Amino acid sequence: TSLYFLCGRPMFFGDATGRFVYQLNLKNKHMEWTTVEYRGEFPAPVRGNGYGGYRWGQSCVVYREHLLYVFGGCVPTADLHPTDVATNDFFVFNLKTLDWKEVQVAEGSIKPPPLFGHAAFIHNDGLLVYGGFVGEK
């Protein structure tokens, strides 16, 4: 049994928030944090500039005990004066293989709008997204 911490929004110049995953083993009585060495592209894209930057305000749920799904949240733009914009990106982190992958939804399916500050939960093998804010921060 573990607690995972990922992403985050920088709050000051030099803040180390960004592309990392930490794990806290709750079975260990000493409760020590460790850095997770993962593979794949971390879900913190800078729009127009590949996968760098940070993500905040996303939802995160665990499915079938080893698949951690991340939906939406805010990411920075790549311009000279970046602002944070909401996304409807969808990623999965496999807790067994430690791989990140972007989830490709079926062509023609209707995705939720770009959201941040929303909630999500699993029900009957489906991901339900509720509430949140739409658009730019």
Protein backbone atom coordinates (compact mmCIF):
# COMPACT_ATOMS: atom_id res chain seq x y z
CA THR A 1 0.00 0.00 0.00
CA SER A 2 1.49 3.30 -1.11
CA LEU A 3 0.76 6.98 -1.51
CA TYR A 4 1.98 8.62 -4.74
CA PHE A 5 2.71 12.31 -5.27
CA LEU A 6 3.15 13.74 -8.75
CA CYS A 7 3.20 17.02 -10.66
CA GLY A 8 2.45 20.31 -8.97
CA ARG A 9 2.67 24.01 -9.78
CA PRO A 10 5.84 26.04 -9.14
CA MET A 11 5.22 28.75 -6.57
CA PHE A 12 8.49 30.68 -6.80
CA PHE A 13 11.57 30.99 -9.04
CA GLY A 14 13.73 27.88 -8.70
CA ASP A 15 10.89 25.74 -7.32
CA ALA A 16 11.71 22.09 -8.10
CA THR A 17 8.08 21.19 -8.87
CA GLY A 18 7.74 19.42 -12.17
CA ARG A 19 8.28 16.02 -13.73
CA PHE A 20 8.69 13.69 -10.77
CA VAL A 21 6.85 10.92 -8.97
CA TYR A 22 7.35 10.19 -5.27
CA GLN A 23 6.14 7.10 -3.41
CA LEU A 24 5.45 6.76 0.30
CA ASN A 25 5.27 3.13 1.41
CA LEU A 26 2.48 3.07 4.00
CA LYS A 27 3.38 -0.47 5.15
CA ASN A 28 6.79 0.69 6.31
CA LYS A 29 6.55 1.97 9.91
CA HIS A 30 9.28 4.55 9.14
CA MET A 31 7.22 6.00 6.24
CA GLU A 32 10.06 7.04 3.96
CA TRP A 33 9.54 8.85 0.65
CA THR A 34 11.37 7.51 -2.41
CA THR A 35 11.70 8.81 -5.95
CA VAL A 36 10.08 6.59 -8.58
CA GLU A 37 12.26 6.00 -11.65
CA TYR A 38 9.70 5.81 -14.46
CA ARG A 39 9.69 5.29 -18.23
CA GLY A 40 7.66 7.05 -20.89
CA GLU A 41 6.62 10.67 -21.25
CA PHE A 42 5.56 12.35 -18.03
CA PRO A 43 2.15 14.08 -18.31
CA ALA A 44 3.37 17.64 -17.83
CA PRO A 45 3.38 19.14 -21.32
CA VAL A 46 4.15 22.71 -22.22
CA ARG A 47 1.71 23.42 -25.03
CA GLY A 48 3.61 23.78 -28.30
CA ASN A 49 6.91 22.65 -26.75
CA GLY A 50 6.79 18.89 -26.24
CA TYR A 51 6.68 17.31 -22.80
CA GLY A 52 8.27 19.60 -20.28
CA GLY A 53 6.88 21.85 -17.60
CA TYR A 54 4.35 21.08 -14.90
CA ARG A 55 0.69 20.15 -14.36
CA TRP A 56 -1.69 21.06 -11.54
CA GLY A 57 -5.42 20.79 -10.80
CA GLN A 58 -5.71 17.38 -12.46
CA SER A 59 -7.69 14.40 -11.24
CA CYS A 60 -6.06 11.08 -10.49
CA VAL A 61 -7.69 7.69 -9.86
CA VAL A 62 -6.41 4.13 -9.46
CA TYR A 63 -8.08 1.32 -11.41
CA ARG A 64 -7.53 -2.43 -10.91
CA GLU A 65 -4.92 -1.72 -8.21
CA HIS A 66 -2.10 -0.87 -10.64
CA LEU A 67 -3.32 1.63 -13.25
CA LEU A 68 -3.18 5.28 -12.17
CA TYR A 69 -5.18 7.51 -14.54
CA VAL A 70 -4.58 11.27 -14.77
CA PHE A 71 -7.10 13.53 -16.50
CA GLY A 72 -7.01 17.24 -17.30
CA GLY A 73 -5.40 19.89 -15.15
CA CYS A 74 -3.55 23.06 -16.10
CA VAL A 75 -0.27 23.24 -18.00
CA PRO A 76 1.85 26.22 -19.10
CA THR A 77 1.90 27.57 -22.62
CA ALA A 78 5.20 27.80 -24.48
CA ASP A 79 5.14 31.54 -25.19
CA LEU A 80 7.47 34.15 -23.73
CA HIS A 81 5.01 35.06 -20.95
CA PRO A 82 3.45 31.68 -20.14
CA THR A 83 -0.01 31.37 -18.74
CA ASP A 84 -1.61 28.18 -17.49
CA VAL A 85 -4.34 26.64 -19.64
CA ALA A 86 -6.72 23.79 -18.83
CA THR A 87 -6.41 20.53 -20.79
CA ASN A 88 -8.39 17.39 -21.40
CA ASP A 89 -5.27 15.24 -21.72
CA PHE A 90 -5.58 11.67 -20.46
CA PHE A 91 -2.63 9.60 -19.21
CA VAL A 92 -2.09 6.27 -17.46
CA PHE A 93 0.79 5.28 -15.15
CA ASN A 94 1.26 1.54 -14.69
CA LEU A 95 2.32 1.01 -11.07
CA LYS A 96 3.73 -2.46 -11.90
CA THR A 97 5.88 -1.53 -14.91
CA LEU A 98 6.39 2.18 -13.97
CA ASP A 99 5.49 3.30 -17.51
CA TRP A 100 3.65 6.50 -18.48
CA LYS A 101 1.48 6.49 -21.62
CA GLU A 102 -0.96 8.93 -23.12
CA VAL A 103 -4.38 7.28 -23.42
CA GLN A 104 -5.85 7.35 -26.91
CA VAL A 105 -9.64 7.42 -26.82
CA ALA A 106 -11.76 5.95 -29.61
CA GLU A 107 -12.04 8.15 -32.68
CA GLY A 108 -15.35 9.99 -32.72
CA SER A 109 -15.89 9.67 -28.97
CA ILE A 110 -16.82 12.79 -27.03
CA LYS A 111 -14.14 13.91 -24.57
CA PRO A 112 -14.91 16.17 -21.62
CA PRO A 113 -13.83 19.79 -22.12
CA PRO A 114 -10.48 20.98 -20.79
CA LEU A 115 -10.89 21.05 -16.99
CA PHE A 116 -9.01 21.77 -13.77
CA GLY A 117 -10.05 21.54 -10.13
CA HIS A 118 -12.50 18.73 -10.91
CA ALA A 119 -13.09 15.36 -9.27
CA ALA A 120 -13.01 11.90 -10.86
CA PHE A 121 -13.85 8.41 -9.69
CA ILE A 122 -14.22 4.88 -11.04
CA HIS A 123 -17.69 3.29 -11.23
CA ASN A 124 -18.56 0.03 -13.07
CA ASP A 125 -15.32 0.09 -15.08
CA GLY A 126 -15.91 3.69 -16.17
CA LEU A 127 -14.21 6.96 -15.27
CA LEU A 128 -16.66 9.65 -14.18
CA VAL A 129 -15.49 13.28 -14.16
CA TYR A 130 -17.47 15.82 -12.13
CA GLY A 131 -17.33 19.59 -11.68
CA GLY A 132 -14.23 21.71 -12.08
CA PHE A 133 -13.40 24.83 -14.03
CA VAL A 134 -13.17 25.24 -17.80
CA GLY A 135 -10.66 27.34 -19.73
CA GLU A 136 -7.68 29.43 -18.70
CA LYS A 137 -6.66 29.92 -15.08
